[in-house]
Amino acid sequence: MELRQLKTFVAAAQLESFSGAAQRLGYSQSAVTVQMRLLEDELGVRLFDRLGKRVALTAQGEHFLRQSQKILMEVNEAKELASQEGELRNPLHIGTLESLCCAKLPQVLRYFRAHHPAVPIKITTAEPARLYEMLDQNLLDLIYLLDRARFNTDWEKVMEKKEPVVFVTSASYWGERPRRLHMKELAGEPFFLTEKHENYRRELDAFLETQSLALTPALEIGSTDFIIRQIKENGGISYLPYFAVAEGIGKGELTVLEVEGLQVEMYQQVFYHKSRWRTREMEAFIEVVSSVVG
């Protein structure tokens, strides 16, 4: 049994695909198939059920996956301990939301790069569901996102900070009208909103349903920066995390509207998968993001 077989097995189990494992590891699909057949022959058990193009772990496969992840973590730990001295230089792959990437990560990365300039950093932005999927598939070192307080027995949460989500509009557009009102009073206004899969948009839609209301947005787009520009230039209303609009509010360009009855608690959170060895680079990023955001 070889370490490369264990790595291939774990990748195939996480992705539920031999072709996906081959693509991730740079093998041909036939090479992955041969490795898994030899591994099953050596162990004397069937690790996978073949379901068309998908594969699923058997009960023996589930048990062997846990053992394989422990072995690979111990190998990574040994490598890490052997290189404890010296400058941090291992790559770091962070998954995050577009809004956090624009509003929060620049400051975090500026500080991180100043102290650890040799660490190559890759940033992937995606919707929350995709980030969780990538975390479970071992495609990311860490995810940094905004969502309701999340818990998963397979994840380690290393940062959590409460973050308001607010209705916001251009100060010049809203003028002297009352800033505290009921949702039905806003129903006729033009709304510029993130797409439905965004977590805080999902919470807004759920609240609207309780009020027997529905909105037809004037614009739906994933870019919070674009939405903010539209509001400043054209008026209208949006529903966005406070961190995304704090600068505009501070300058007096934007104003917050308080809507009766809407209580949504969102949190900035950082996770890594418990099967992944926590490298010094991950430790350094966790320390920086916790100090900058906290």
Protein backbone atom coordinates (compact mmCIF):
# COMPACT_ATOMS: atom_id res chain seq x y z
CA MET A 1 0.00 0.00 0.00
CA GLU A 2 1.38 3.41 -1.01
CA LEU A 3 0.62 6.95 0.12
CA ARG A 4 -0.36 7.87 -3.42
CA GLN A 5 -3.06 5.18 -3.30
CA LEU A 6 -4.43 6.64 -0.07
CA LYS A 7 -4.45 10.15 -1.57
CA THR A 8 -6.25 8.85 -4.64
CA PHE A 9 -8.75 6.94 -2.52
CA VAL A 10 -9.54 9.99 -0.36
CA ALA A 11 -9.95 12.22 -3.44
CA ALA A 12 -12.27 9.69 -5.12
CA ALA A 13 -14.31 9.34 -1.91
CA GLN A 14 -14.66 13.10 -1.44
CA LEU A 15 -15.57 13.77 -5.07
CA GLU A 16 -17.60 10.55 -5.51
CA SER A 17 -15.90 10.22 -8.88
CA PHE A 18 -12.83 8.46 -10.28
CA SER A 19 -12.67 10.98 -13.14
CA GLY A 20 -12.86 13.87 -10.66
CA ALA A 21 -10.04 12.35 -8.60
CA ALA A 22 -7.98 11.88 -11.77
CA GLN A 23 -8.48 15.52 -12.73
CA ARG A 24 -7.57 16.78 -9.25
CA LEU A 25 -4.42 14.66 -8.95
CA GLY A 26 -3.22 14.85 -12.55
CA TYR A 27 -3.72 11.14 -13.36
CA SER A 28 -5.59 9.45 -16.16
CA GLN A 29 -8.94 7.96 -15.16
CA SER A 30 -7.62 4.49 -15.98
CA ALA A 31 -4.71 5.02 -13.57
CA VAL A 32 -7.15 5.89 -10.77
CA THR A 33 -9.27 2.83 -11.57
CA VAL A 34 -6.20 0.57 -11.45
CA GLN A 35 -5.00 2.09 -8.17
CA MET A 36 -8.37 1.54 -6.54
CA ARG A 37 -8.67 -2.02 -7.82
CA LEU A 38 -5.19 -2.86 -6.47
CA LEU A 39 -6.07 -1.24 -3.14
CA GLU A 40 -9.28 -3.25 -2.84
CA ASP A 41 -7.40 -6.44 -3.77
CA GLU A 42 -4.77 -5.77 -1.12
CA LEU A 43 -7.34 -5.05 1.59
CA GLY A 44 -9.64 -7.86 0.51
CA VAL A 45 -12.75 -5.65 0.70
CA ARG A 46 -14.84 -3.60 -1.72
CA LEU A 47 -14.36 0.08 -0.96
CA PHE A 48 -16.69 1.53 -3.60
CA ASP A 49 -20.04 0.76 -5.15
CA ARG A 50 -19.98 1.78 -8.82
CA LEU A 51 -23.14 3.75 -9.71
CA GLY A 52 -22.76 4.66 -13.37
CA LYS A 53 -20.33 7.58 -13.51
CA ARG A 54 -20.54 8.05 -9.74
CA VAL A 55 -18.98 5.97 -6.99
CA ALA A 56 -20.18 5.68 -3.40
CA LEU A 57 -18.35 4.32 -0.39
CA THR A 58 -19.37 1.00 1.07
CA ALA A 59 -19.51 0.59 4.86
CA GLN A 60 -15.94 -0.77 4.74
CA GLY A 61 -14.99 2.18 2.54
CA GLU A 62 -16.38 4.68 5.06
CA HIS A 63 -14.27 3.10 7.81
CA PHE A 64 -11.17 3.01 5.62
CA LEU A 65 -11.71 6.68 4.66
CA ARG A 66 -11.48 7.76 8.30
CA GLN A 67 -8.30 5.75 8.77
CA SER A 68 -6.79 7.06 5.53
CA GLN A 69 -7.49 10.67 6.51
CA LYS A 70 -5.77 10.10 9.87
CA ILE A 71 -2.71 8.61 8.16
CA LEU A 72 -2.45 11.46 5.66
CA MET A 73 -2.89 14.04 8.43
CA GLU A 74 -0.05 12.42 10.39
CA VAL A 75 2.15 12.46 7.29
CA ASN A 76 1.37 16.15 6.74
CA GLU A 77 2.05 16.85 10.41
CA ALA A 78 5.44 15.14 10.15
CA LYS A 79 6.30 17.23 7.08
CA GLU A 80 5.16 20.39 8.86
CA LEU A 81 7.20 19.64 11.96
CA ALA A 82 10.26 18.99 9.82
CA SER A 83 9.95 22.48 8.33
CA GLN A 84 8.98 24.44 11.43
CA GLU A 85 12.00 26.68 11.15
CA GLY A 86 12.23 29.37 8.53
CA GLU A 87 9.90 31.56 6.53
CA LEU A 88 6.34 30.50 5.74
CA ARG A 89 6.11 29.59 2.06
CA ASN A 90 3.51 26.84 1.55
CA PRO A 91 0.54 27.83 -0.66
CA LEU A 92 -2.80 28.83 0.84
CA HIS A 93 -6.19 28.46 -0.89
CA ILE A 94 -9.03 30.54 0.57
CA GLY A 95 -12.69 30.31 -0.46
CA THR A 96 -14.91 33.32 0.18
CA LEU A 97 -17.90 35.40 -0.95
CA GLU A 98 -17.56 38.16 -3.52
CA SER A 99 -18.77 40.75 -0.99
CA LEU A 100 -16.16 39.75 1.60
CA CYS A 101 -13.49 39.54 -1.08
CA CYS A 102 -14.11 43.18 -2.02
CA ALA A 103 -14.81 44.67 1.39
CA LYS A 104 -12.74 42.70 3.92
CA LEU A 105 -10.03 40.62 2.30
CA PRO A 106 -7.89 43.47 0.91
CA GLN A 107 -7.02 44.66 4.42
CA VAL A 108 -6.49 41.09 5.65
CA LEU A 109 -4.25 40.20 2.70
CA ARG A 110 -2.31 43.44 2.92
CA TYR A 111 -1.35 42.66 6.52
CA PHE A 112 -0.72 38.98 5.78
CA ARG A 113 1.49 39.73 2.76
CA ALA A 114 3.49 42.27 4.76
CA HIS A 115 4.41 39.58 7.29
CA HIS A 116 4.48 36.47 5.08
CA PRO A 117 5.46 37.61 1.57
CA ALA A 118 6.63 34.15 0.39
CA VAL A 119 3.22 32.47 0.82
CA PRO A 120 1.38 32.05 -2.53
CA ILE A 121 -2.32 32.79 -1.98
CA LYS A 122 -5.20 31.69 -4.20
CA ILE A 123 -8.68 33.16 -3.65
CA THR A 124 -11.81 31.45 -4.98
CA THR A 125 -15.16 33.26 -4.76
CA ALA A 126 -18.41 31.31 -4.92
CA GLU A 127 -21.86 31.11 -3.36
CA PRO A 128 -21.99 29.59 0.17
CA ALA A 129 -23.33 26.18 -0.92
CA ARG A 130 -20.45 25.76 -3.36
CA LEU A 131 -17.89 26.83 -0.74
CA TYR A 132 -19.22 24.23 1.71
CA GLU A 133 -19.06 21.61 -1.03
CA MET A 134 -15.47 22.54 -1.91
CA LEU A 135 -14.50 22.40 1.76
CA ASP A 136 -15.92 18.88 2.07
CA GLN A 137 -14.12 17.87 -1.12
CA ASN A 138 -10.80 19.07 0.31
CA LEU A 139 -10.40 21.68 -2.44
CA LEU A 140 -9.85 24.59 -0.02
CA ASP A 141 -7.67 25.19 3.03
CA LEU A 142 -10.14 27.61 4.64
CA ILE A 143 -13.47 29.23 3.88
CA TYR A 144 -14.32 32.76 5.02
CA LEU A 145 -17.98 33.61 4.58
CA LEU A 146 -21.09 35.32 5.87
CA ASP A 147 -24.00 33.09 6.88
CA ARG A 148 -26.20 32.15 9.78
CA ALA A 149 -24.18 30.54 12.56
CA ARG A 150 -23.18 27.20 11.04
CA PHE A 151 -22.08 23.95 12.67
CA ASN A 152 -20.84 20.72 11.13
CA THR A 153 -19.12 17.87 12.97
CA ASP A 154 -16.58 17.65 10.10
CA TRP A 155 -15.60 21.32 10.25
CA GLU A 156 -13.54 23.36 12.70
CA LYS A 157 -14.83 26.90 13.23
CA VAL A 158 -11.96 29.24 14.10
CA MET A 159 -13.66 32.64 13.90
CA GLU A 160 -17.19 33.96 14.34
CA LYS A 161 -18.26 37.61 14.37
CA LYS A 162 -21.83 38.90 14.28
CA GLU A 163 -22.53 41.08 11.24
CA PRO A 164 -25.71 43.17 10.67
CA VAL A 165 -27.47 43.04 7.30
CA VAL A 166 -29.29 46.29 6.53
CA PHE A 167 -31.63 47.98 4.11
CA VAL A 168 -29.65 50.79 2.55
CA THR A 169 -30.41 53.59 0.12
CA SER A 170 -28.84 56.76 -1.22
CA ALA A 171 -29.14 59.61 1.27
CA SER A 172 -30.00 62.06 -1.52
CA TYR A 173 -32.65 59.70 -2.94
CA TRP A 174 -34.38 59.13 0.39
CA GLY A 175 -34.21 62.74 1.53
CA GLU A 176 -36.24 63.61 4.65
CA ARG A 177 -38.60 60.64 4.54
CA PRO A 178 -38.88 58.55 7.76
CA ARG A 179 -36.13 55.97 8.12
CA ARG A 180 -38.12 53.59 10.33
CA LEU A 181 -41.02 51.92 8.52
CA HIS A 182 -42.87 48.71 7.68
CA MET A 183 -41.85 46.45 4.82
CA LYS A 184 -45.08 47.06 2.92
CA GLU A 185 -44.14 50.76 2.72
CA LEU A 186 -41.04 49.79 0.72
CA ALA A 187 -42.73 47.33 -1.64
CA GLY A 188 -43.15 49.91 -4.40
CA GLU A 189 -39.54 51.09 -4.35
CA PRO A 190 -36.97 49.90 -6.93
CA PHE A 191 -34.79 47.21 -5.35
CA PHE A 192 -31.26 46.29 -6.40
CA LEU A 193 -30.58 42.87 -4.91
CA THR A 194 -28.08 40.06 -4.91
CA GLU A 195 -29.14 36.84 -6.60
CA LYS A 196 -31.53 34.48 -4.85
CA HIS A 197 -28.85 31.95 -3.84
CA GLU A 198 -27.05 34.54 -1.69
CA ASN A 199 -27.66 33.70 1.96
CA TYR A 200 -28.86 37.11 3.15
CA ARG A 201 -31.11 37.42 0.07
CA ARG A 202 -32.59 34.06 1.03
CA GLU A 203 -33.36 35.39 4.52
CA LEU A 204 -35.01 38.48 3.04
CA ASP A 205 -37.24 36.35 0.80
CA ALA A 206 -38.24 34.22 3.80
CA PHE A 207 -39.20 37.38 5.74
CA LEU A 208 -41.22 38.71 2.78
CA GLU A 209 -43.14 35.44 2.69
CA THR A 210 -44.17 35.88 6.34
CA GLN A 211 -45.49 39.33 5.40
CA SER A 212 -47.36 38.01 2.32
CA LEU A 213 -45.22 40.28 0.18
CA ALA A 214 -43.04 39.77 -2.88
CA LEU A 215 -40.48 41.99 -4.57
CA THR A 216 -39.72 42.26 -8.26
CA PRO A 217 -36.15 43.56 -8.24
CA ALA A 218 -35.14 46.23 -10.73
CA LEU A 219 -31.78 44.46 -10.87
CA GLU A 220 -30.30 41.19 -9.61
CA ILE A 221 -26.53 40.70 -9.69
CA GLY A 222 -23.87 38.97 -7.58
CA SER A 223 -21.62 42.04 -7.32
CA THR A 224 -22.29 44.11 -4.20
CA ASP A 225 -19.93 46.84 -5.45
CA PHE A 226 -22.05 47.24 -8.60
CA ILE A 227 -25.25 47.39 -6.54
CA ILE A 228 -23.81 50.10 -4.29
CA ARG A 229 -22.77 52.18 -7.31
CA GLN A 230 -26.26 51.83 -8.78
CA ILE A 231 -27.89 53.00 -5.54
CA LYS A 232 -25.57 56.00 -5.27
CA GLU A 233 -26.16 57.01 -8.90
CA ASN A 234 -29.81 56.04 -9.43
CA GLY A 235 -31.46 55.75 -6.02
CA GLY A 236 -33.39 52.67 -5.03
CA ILE A 237 -32.88 50.29 -2.10
CA SER A 238 -30.79 47.21 -1.39
CA TYR A 239 -30.29 44.70 1.43
CA LEU A 240 -26.60 44.20 2.14
CA PRO A 241 -24.12 43.33 4.90
CA TYR A 242 -23.16 46.39 6.91
CA PHE A 243 -19.45 45.95 6.19
CA ALA A 244 -20.16 46.39 2.46
CA VAL A 245 -21.85 49.79 2.93
CA ALA A 246 -20.08 51.14 6.03
CA GLU A 247 -17.79 53.44 4.03
CA GLY A 248 -20.70 55.00 2.13
CA ILE A 249 -22.65 55.48 5.36
CA GLY A 250 -19.64 57.09 7.01
CA LYS A 251 -19.32 59.55 4.13
CA GLY A 252 -23.02 60.43 4.29
CA GLU A 253 -23.65 59.01 0.79
CA LEU A 254 -25.82 56.13 2.03
CA THR A 255 -28.38 55.80 4.77
CA VAL A 256 -29.82 52.81 6.64
CA LEU A 257 -33.56 52.12 6.74
CA GLU A 258 -34.95 50.26 9.76
CA VAL A 259 -37.71 47.80 8.86
CA GLU A 260 -40.10 46.71 11.60
CA GLY A 261 -40.03 43.01 12.48
CA LEU A 262 -37.02 41.97 10.41
CA GLN A 263 -34.41 40.29 12.60
CA VAL A 264 -31.69 38.39 10.77
CA GLU A 265 -28.48 37.36 12.51
CA MET A 266 -25.55 36.75 10.19
CA TYR A 267 -21.98 35.97 11.15
CA GLN A 268 -18.62 36.28 9.50
CA GLN A 269 -17.14 32.81 9.97
CA VAL A 270 -13.93 30.96 9.12
CA PHE A 271 -13.84 27.16 8.83
CA TYR A 272 -11.43 24.43 7.84
CA HIS A 273 -12.12 20.72 7.45
CA LYS A 274 -11.06 18.55 10.37
CA SER A 275 -9.45 16.07 7.98
CA ARG A 276 -6.98 18.75 6.84
CA TRP A 277 -3.76 19.30 8.80
CA ARG A 278 -3.69 22.87 10.16
CA THR A 279 -0.50 24.26 8.64
CA ARG A 280 1.52 27.21 9.92
CA GLU A 281 0.24 29.20 6.94
CA MET A 282 -3.36 28.46 7.95
CA GLU A 283 -2.54 29.40 11.55
CA ALA A 284 -1.08 32.71 10.38
CA PHE A 285 -4.10 33.55 8.22
CA ILE A 286 -6.52 32.67 11.04
CA GLU A 287 -4.58 34.93 13.41
CA VAL A 288 -4.59 37.82 10.92
CA VAL A 289 -8.27 37.59 9.92
CA SER A 290 -9.34 37.25 13.57
CA SER A 291 -7.39 40.35 14.60
CA VAL A 292 -8.36 42.49 11.60
CA VAL A 293 -12.06 41.52 11.54
CA GLY A 294 -12.41 41.16 15.29
